[in-house]
Amino acid sequence: MSSAPYLLQPVPPIAPRKPSGRVRHSLPAHNSKAEVQRRKLTITCGARRSPDDYHATVRALNFRGHRPRKSLGQHYMLNSEVNEQLAAAANVQDADVVLEIGPGTGSLTNVLLDTGATVLAIEKDPHMAALVKQRFAYIDRLKVLQEDFVKCHIRSHMFSLFESISSLDQKPRCAKVVSNIPFNISTDVVKQLLPMGDIFSDVVLLLQEETALRLVESSLRTSEYRPINIFVNFYSDPEYKFKVPRSAFFPQPNVDAAVVTFKLKQAADYPAVSSTKSFFSMVNSAFNGKRKMLRRSLQHICTSLEIEEALENVGLAATSRPEELTLDDFVKLHNLIARV
């Protein structure tokens, strides 16, 4: 963790770029005339909000007396251009609804709000949740929830947000996920979000580079080819976008990062299996015995002879192992041997 000295000034007020959201104009009666004028200037200013950098991040953390917590995998983005690229990768526009996981000091939130989107930010750390709420208190297009994303009911939260927007006679164009997530929950986040194509059209995540490459580019017959690759391609079309050097974070992690986009599929576009639960159960069983031939690792489903016949029907050798099968191969095999 960096030992650079923290600055003691509080975060300066940040003016909104444009009146794309509904700004609260009410002022307490006891405010001085100078304070009223200052707030009016902040509200009417048409300038873009100041970008976040190292000094802004350190000031924000120091203002709350907070240091990044290793147990929560907290690494804060220092490069505002990366945040801009994250938003651009999801093509976030005015009237979009965006889910952000782990907003931290609000540097990415700042960029997302600048587009005119409505943002639901879920932050596990109560100190960071309070900081983001305070920082953007004048914007009602932001809702901050202090929860553990891995354990929260995201569908319920999203439907509630959609209802509140609809009640204001506004209809969101679509919902997207744009997040710089803690590296230690990457797989959990991916597993939770990708089957939600009925809510989200795009998921854009900043991940550890090794994880990004494993999710997107793992090839057949390699040690990196795993059940998660079948899962990712079943529910989405993934794409590796660009690398982000470790120097862009505070504190600096021991690895580089990368941005990955997942274009989520609708249920009608999923591979045709009789049961997704049964399908992924079979895939996991196959990889649990990765060095074994499928005719042995899947014997709990049917006999070895039946598995050999099914493999030959699919056009594969009777001695095939799991790392030799594509998603389409697994789908065909499942539909031949599964007894749902």
Protein backbone atom coordinates (compact mmCIF):
# COMPACT_ATOMS: atom_id res chain seq x y z
CA MET A 1 0.00 0.00 0.00
CA SER A 2 1.32 3.48 -0.85
CA SER A 3 2.62 5.52 2.05
CA ALA A 4 2.21 8.90 0.30
CA PRO A 5 1.06 11.62 2.73
CA TYR A 6 -2.64 12.34 2.86
CA LEU A 7 -3.81 15.93 2.32
CA LEU A 8 -6.07 17.37 4.99
CA GLN A 9 -8.47 19.51 2.97
CA PRO A 10 -12.05 18.25 2.50
CA VAL A 11 -13.26 17.46 -1.01
CA PRO A 12 -14.32 20.68 -2.76
CA PRO A 13 -17.91 20.93 -4.05
CA ILE A 14 -18.39 19.56 -7.56
CA ALA A 15 -20.77 21.30 -9.92
CA PRO A 16 -23.10 19.36 -12.24
CA ARG A 17 -22.39 19.51 -15.97
CA LYS A 18 -25.92 20.15 -17.17
CA PRO A 19 -29.51 20.08 -15.91
CA SER A 20 -30.08 16.52 -17.17
CA GLY A 21 -31.34 15.45 -13.71
CA ARG A 22 -33.74 17.09 -11.30
CA VAL A 23 -31.66 19.25 -8.92
CA ARG A 24 -32.91 20.06 -5.45
CA HIS A 25 -33.23 23.85 -5.20
CA SER A 26 -34.71 24.15 -1.68
CA LEU A 27 -32.44 25.95 0.82
CA PRO A 28 -32.75 26.16 4.61
CA ALA A 29 -34.15 29.47 5.82
CA HIS A 30 -31.18 30.14 8.09
CA ASN A 31 -28.59 30.10 5.26
CA SER A 32 -26.60 33.31 4.84
CA LYS A 33 -26.96 35.37 1.67
CA ALA A 34 -23.41 34.42 0.69
CA GLU A 35 -24.24 30.73 1.12
CA VAL A 36 -27.37 31.09 -1.00
CA GLN A 37 -25.37 32.77 -3.74
CA ARG A 38 -22.69 30.06 -3.56
CA ARG A 39 -25.28 27.29 -3.96
CA LYS A 40 -27.01 29.09 -6.79
CA LEU A 41 -23.68 29.33 -8.57
CA THR A 42 -23.09 25.59 -8.05
CA ILE A 43 -26.56 24.73 -9.40
CA THR A 44 -26.47 26.98 -12.44
CA CYS A 45 -22.88 26.30 -13.44
CA GLY A 46 -22.78 24.50 -16.78
CA ALA A 47 -19.21 23.26 -16.42
CA ARG A 48 -18.32 19.61 -16.39
CA ARG A 49 -17.57 18.12 -12.96
CA SER A 50 -13.90 18.00 -12.08
CA PRO A 51 -12.25 14.69 -13.01
CA ASP A 52 -10.83 12.51 -10.24
CA ASP A 53 -7.09 11.96 -9.89
CA TYR A 54 -4.64 10.84 -7.22
CA HIS A 55 -4.98 14.00 -5.14
CA ALA A 56 -8.79 14.05 -5.30
CA THR A 57 -8.91 10.39 -4.28
CA VAL A 58 -6.52 10.85 -1.36
CA ARG A 59 -8.40 13.97 -0.17
CA ALA A 60 -11.68 12.06 -0.29
CA LEU A 61 -10.29 9.16 1.72
CA ASN A 62 -8.55 11.46 4.20
CA PHE A 63 -11.67 13.54 4.69
CA ARG A 64 -13.37 10.43 6.09
CA GLY A 65 -10.24 9.24 7.87
CA HIS A 66 -10.40 6.11 5.74
CA ARG A 67 -7.65 3.88 4.38
CA PRO A 68 -8.26 1.26 1.67
CA ARG A 69 -9.14 -2.10 3.22
CA LYS A 70 -7.27 -5.09 1.83
CA SER A 71 -9.98 -7.44 3.12
CA LEU A 72 -12.49 -5.73 0.79
CA GLY A 73 -10.12 -5.68 -2.17
CA GLN A 74 -10.27 -1.88 -2.33
CA HIS A 75 -8.16 -0.32 -5.09
CA TYR A 76 -9.35 3.10 -6.23
CA MET A 77 -9.08 4.32 -9.83
CA LEU A 78 -6.84 7.36 -10.25
CA ASN A 79 -7.20 7.84 -14.01
CA SER A 80 -10.39 9.59 -15.08
CA GLU A 81 -9.77 8.58 -18.70
CA VAL A 82 -10.16 4.91 -17.76
CA ASN A 83 -13.51 5.74 -16.17
CA GLU A 84 -14.55 7.53 -19.36
CA GLN A 85 -13.54 4.45 -21.37
CA LEU A 86 -15.53 2.18 -19.07
CA ALA A 87 -18.67 4.24 -19.64
CA ALA A 88 -17.99 4.41 -23.37
CA ALA A 89 -17.53 0.62 -23.57
CA ALA A 90 -21.13 0.25 -22.38
CA ASN A 91 -22.27 3.17 -24.55
CA VAL A 92 -23.91 4.77 -21.51
CA GLN A 93 -26.25 7.58 -22.56
CA ASP A 94 -28.79 9.97 -21.16
CA ALA A 95 -31.85 8.11 -19.76
CA ASP A 96 -29.95 4.83 -19.28
CA VAL A 97 -30.07 3.05 -15.93
CA VAL A 98 -26.68 1.88 -14.68
CA LEU A 99 -25.74 -0.44 -11.83
CA GLU A 100 -22.35 0.30 -10.28
CA ILE A 101 -20.81 -2.18 -7.84
CA GLY A 102 -18.36 -0.74 -5.33
CA PRO A 103 -18.34 2.99 -6.20
CA GLY A 104 -15.56 3.74 -3.68
CA THR A 105 -14.92 7.48 -3.71
CA GLY A 106 -17.32 8.00 -6.61
CA SER A 107 -14.83 8.61 -9.41
CA LEU A 108 -16.65 6.34 -11.89
CA THR A 109 -20.01 7.44 -10.47
CA ASN A 110 -19.02 10.98 -11.38
CA VAL A 111 -18.52 10.00 -15.02
CA LEU A 112 -21.74 7.94 -15.20
CA LEU A 113 -23.82 10.79 -13.79
CA ASP A 114 -22.20 13.13 -16.30
CA THR A 115 -23.82 11.12 -19.11
CA GLY A 116 -27.29 11.82 -17.73
CA ALA A 117 -27.82 8.21 -16.61
CA THR A 118 -29.61 7.15 -13.44
CA VAL A 119 -27.19 5.20 -11.23
CA LEU A 120 -27.79 2.56 -8.58
CA ALA A 121 -24.55 2.21 -6.59
CA ILE A 122 -24.09 -0.70 -4.20
CA GLU A 123 -21.25 -0.31 -1.71
CA LYS A 124 -20.36 -2.76 1.07
CA ASP A 125 -18.13 -0.35 3.01
CA PRO A 126 -20.35 1.98 5.10
CA HIS A 127 -17.70 4.73 5.07
CA MET A 128 -17.54 4.77 1.27
CA ALA A 129 -21.33 4.56 0.93
CA ALA A 130 -21.65 7.65 3.17
CA LEU A 131 -18.94 9.48 1.21
CA VAL A 132 -20.66 8.90 -2.15
CA LYS A 133 -24.05 9.92 -0.74
CA GLN A 134 -22.56 13.15 0.58
CA ARG A 135 -20.56 13.88 -2.55
CA PHE A 136 -23.59 13.70 -4.85
CA ALA A 137 -26.29 14.75 -2.38
CA TYR A 138 -27.65 17.34 -4.82
CA ILE A 139 -28.36 14.77 -7.58
CA ASP A 140 -31.52 12.68 -7.42
CA ARG A 141 -30.43 10.40 -10.29
CA LEU A 142 -28.24 8.48 -7.84
CA LYS A 143 -29.33 5.89 -5.30
CA VAL A 144 -26.68 4.47 -2.97
CA LEU A 145 -27.27 1.22 -1.08
CA GLN A 146 -24.93 0.07 1.67
CA GLU A 147 -25.01 -3.69 1.03
CA ASP A 148 -22.81 -6.62 0.11
CA PHE A 149 -23.53 -7.10 -3.60
CA VAL A 150 -22.84 -10.83 -3.49
CA LYS A 151 -25.61 -11.26 -0.91
CA CYS A 152 -28.12 -8.61 -2.01
CA HIS A 153 -31.35 -9.14 -3.98
CA ILE A 154 -30.34 -7.23 -7.07
CA ARG A 155 -33.49 -8.08 -9.04
CA SER A 156 -35.66 -6.58 -6.33
CA HIS A 157 -33.54 -3.42 -6.20
CA MET A 158 -33.59 -3.00 -9.98
CA PHE A 159 -37.35 -3.51 -10.27
CA SER A 160 -37.89 -0.99 -7.48
CA LEU A 161 -35.73 1.53 -9.33
CA PHE A 162 -37.57 0.92 -12.61
CA GLU A 163 -40.90 1.52 -10.85
CA SER A 164 -39.71 4.78 -9.32
CA ILE A 165 -38.53 6.01 -12.72
CA SER A 166 -41.77 4.97 -14.42
CA SER A 167 -43.77 6.85 -11.78
CA LEU A 168 -42.01 10.02 -12.95
CA ASP A 169 -43.29 9.45 -16.51
CA GLN A 170 -39.83 8.46 -17.67
CA LYS A 171 -39.01 5.17 -19.34
CA PRO A 172 -35.38 4.00 -19.18
CA ARG A 173 -33.95 2.87 -22.49
CA CYS A 174 -32.11 -0.05 -20.89
CA ALA A 175 -30.13 -1.10 -17.86
CA LYS A 176 -26.39 -1.71 -17.87
CA VAL A 177 -23.68 -2.63 -15.42
CA VAL A 178 -20.47 -0.59 -15.37
CA SER A 179 -18.10 -1.29 -12.49
CA ASN A 180 -14.56 -1.35 -11.20
CA ILE A 181 -15.15 -4.31 -8.90
CA PRO A 182 -12.91 -5.76 -6.18
CA PHE A 183 -10.81 -8.47 -7.79
CA ASN A 184 -11.64 -10.97 -5.04
CA ILE A 185 -15.35 -11.15 -5.96
CA SER A 186 -14.99 -11.19 -9.76
CA THR A 187 -16.26 -14.73 -10.33
CA ASP A 188 -19.19 -14.28 -7.92
CA VAL A 189 -20.23 -11.07 -9.69
CA VAL A 190 -20.02 -12.68 -13.13
CA LYS A 191 -22.08 -15.68 -12.03
CA GLN A 192 -24.74 -13.45 -10.51
CA LEU A 193 -25.09 -10.97 -13.38
CA LEU A 194 -24.75 -12.89 -16.64
CA PRO A 195 -28.03 -14.84 -16.34
CA MET A 196 -29.89 -11.51 -15.98
CA GLY A 197 -30.35 -10.69 -19.65
CA ASP A 198 -33.98 -9.82 -18.89
CA ILE A 199 -32.74 -6.79 -16.91
CA PHE A 200 -29.31 -5.85 -18.27
CA SER A 201 -28.18 -5.53 -21.88
CA ASP A 202 -24.48 -5.00 -21.17
CA VAL A 203 -22.09 -5.76 -18.33
CA VAL A 204 -18.76 -3.91 -18.39
CA LEU A 205 -16.28 -4.87 -15.68
CA LEU A 206 -12.77 -3.86 -14.76
CA LEU A 207 -11.13 -7.13 -13.71
CA GLN A 208 -7.72 -8.50 -12.88
CA GLU A 209 -6.09 -9.05 -16.26
CA GLU A 210 -5.46 -12.75 -15.67
CA THR A 211 -9.14 -13.24 -14.84
CA ALA A 212 -10.20 -11.23 -17.88
CA LEU A 213 -8.09 -13.35 -20.20
CA ARG A 214 -9.29 -16.58 -18.60
CA LEU A 215 -12.94 -15.61 -19.00
CA VAL A 216 -12.67 -14.46 -22.61
CA GLU A 217 -9.76 -16.13 -24.34
CA SER A 218 -9.28 -19.57 -22.78
CA SER A 219 -8.88 -22.17 -25.53
CA LEU A 220 -9.78 -25.81 -25.78
CA ARG A 221 -7.21 -28.30 -24.51
CA THR A 222 -5.62 -25.81 -22.10
CA SER A 223 -5.47 -25.82 -18.31
CA GLU A 224 -7.33 -22.48 -18.25
CA TYR A 225 -10.42 -23.93 -19.95
CA ARG A 226 -12.98 -24.41 -17.15
CA PRO A 227 -16.72 -24.55 -16.42
CA ILE A 228 -16.78 -20.75 -16.08
CA ASN A 229 -15.96 -20.49 -19.80
CA ILE A 230 -18.99 -22.60 -20.65
CA PHE A 231 -21.09 -20.45 -18.30
CA VAL A 232 -19.88 -17.13 -19.74
CA ASN A 233 -20.53 -18.16 -23.35
CA PHE A 234 -23.89 -19.75 -22.51
CA TYR A 235 -25.25 -16.45 -21.17
CA SER A 236 -23.27 -13.80 -23.06
CA ASP A 237 -20.93 -12.75 -25.82
CA PRO A 238 -17.73 -11.65 -24.02
CA GLU A 239 -15.04 -9.37 -25.39
CA TYR A 240 -11.68 -8.28 -24.00
CA LYS A 241 -11.45 -4.51 -24.55
CA PHE A 242 -8.21 -3.06 -23.17
CA LYS A 243 -5.54 -3.39 -20.52
CA VAL A 244 -5.29 -1.05 -17.51
CA PRO A 245 -1.85 -0.80 -15.84
CA ARG A 246 -1.60 -1.34 -12.09
CA SER A 247 -0.21 2.20 -11.75
CA ALA A 248 -3.73 3.54 -12.41
CA PHE A 249 -4.89 2.38 -8.95
CA PHE A 250 -4.44 3.50 -5.36
CA PRO A 251 -3.12 1.58 -3.55
CA GLN A 252 -1.28 -0.07 -6.44
CA PRO A 253 -2.13 -3.80 -6.73
CA ASN A 254 0.42 -6.44 -7.65
CA VAL A 255 -1.23 -7.14 -11.00
CA ASP A 256 -2.54 -5.26 -14.03
CA ALA A 257 -6.23 -5.05 -14.84
CA ALA A 258 -8.34 -5.18 -17.99
CA VAL A 259 -11.82 -4.20 -19.13
CA VAL A 260 -14.19 -6.89 -20.38
CA THR A 261 -17.63 -6.39 -21.90
CA PHE A 262 -20.35 -9.02 -21.76
CA LYS A 263 -23.24 -8.58 -24.18
CA LEU A 264 -25.99 -10.48 -22.39
CA LYS A 265 -28.23 -12.90 -24.28
CA GLN A 266 -32.00 -13.06 -23.95
CA ALA A 267 -33.47 -16.36 -22.72
CA ALA A 268 -34.68 -17.14 -26.23
CA ASP A 269 -31.07 -17.02 -27.43
CA TYR A 270 -29.64 -19.41 -24.84
CA PRO A 271 -28.45 -22.78 -26.14
CA ALA A 272 -31.40 -25.18 -26.21
CA VAL A 273 -31.14 -27.44 -23.15
CA SER A 274 -34.02 -29.12 -21.34
CA SER A 275 -32.80 -27.76 -17.99
CA THR A 276 -30.04 -25.22 -17.29
CA LYS A 277 -29.64 -26.63 -13.79
CA SER A 278 -29.10 -30.14 -15.14
CA PHE A 279 -26.82 -28.84 -17.89
CA PHE A 280 -24.42 -26.98 -15.58
CA SER A 281 -24.49 -29.85 -13.11
CA MET A 282 -23.24 -32.12 -15.90
CA VAL A 283 -20.57 -29.61 -16.97
CA ASN A 284 -19.28 -29.25 -13.40
CA SER A 285 -19.20 -33.03 -12.96
CA ALA A 286 -17.24 -33.38 -16.18
CA PHE A 287 -14.56 -30.91 -15.05
CA ASN A 288 -14.40 -32.31 -11.52
CA GLY A 289 -12.69 -35.26 -13.15
CA LYS A 290 -10.80 -33.14 -15.67
CA ARG A 291 -8.13 -35.74 -16.32
CA LYS A 292 -10.71 -38.46 -16.64
CA MET A 293 -12.53 -39.43 -19.78
CA LEU A 294 -16.16 -38.35 -19.83
CA ARG A 295 -17.31 -41.97 -19.99
CA ARG A 296 -15.95 -42.28 -16.43
CA SER A 297 -16.66 -38.86 -14.88
CA LEU A 298 -20.31 -38.89 -16.02
CA GLN A 299 -21.16 -42.46 -14.97
CA HIS A 300 -23.54 -41.13 -12.31
CA ILE A 301 -25.78 -39.89 -15.17
CA CYS A 302 -25.79 -43.01 -17.33
CA THR A 303 -23.62 -45.98 -18.24
CA SER A 304 -20.20 -45.70 -19.85
CA LEU A 305 -21.51 -47.39 -22.97
CA GLU A 306 -24.34 -44.83 -23.31
CA ILE A 307 -21.87 -41.97 -22.88
CA GLU A 308 -19.57 -43.43 -25.54
CA GLU A 309 -22.47 -43.75 -27.95
CA ALA A 310 -23.61 -40.18 -27.24
CA LEU A 311 -20.09 -38.83 -27.82
CA GLU A 312 -19.87 -40.62 -31.14
CA ASN A 313 -23.29 -39.22 -32.08
CA VAL A 314 -21.93 -35.72 -31.37
CA GLY A 315 -18.95 -36.49 -33.59
CA LEU A 316 -16.43 -36.90 -30.80
CA ALA A 317 -14.15 -39.73 -29.78
CA ALA A 318 -15.40 -42.15 -27.15
CA THR A 319 -12.29 -41.29 -25.13
CA SER A 320 -13.00 -37.53 -25.04
CA ARG A 321 -12.13 -35.43 -21.97
CA PRO A 322 -13.97 -32.26 -20.88
CA GLU A 323 -11.32 -29.79 -22.11
CA GLU A 324 -11.91 -31.08 -25.64
CA LEU A 325 -15.61 -30.08 -25.80
CA THR A 326 -17.00 -26.73 -26.93
CA LEU A 327 -20.18 -25.21 -25.49
CA ASP A 328 -22.12 -26.63 -28.43
CA ASP A 329 -20.63 -30.09 -27.83
CA PHE A 330 -21.68 -30.01 -24.17
CA VAL A 331 -25.20 -28.95 -25.14
CA LYS A 332 -25.56 -31.82 -27.61
CA LEU A 333 -24.11 -34.33 -25.15
CA HIS A 334 -26.43 -33.17 -22.38
CA ASN A 335 -29.50 -33.46 -24.56
CA LEU A 336 -28.54 -37.04 -25.41
CA ILE A 337 -27.74 -38.40 -21.95
CA ALA A 338 -29.59 -36.25 -19.41
CA ARG A 339 -32.64 -37.67 -17.71
CA VAL A 340 -34.43 -34.58 -16.46
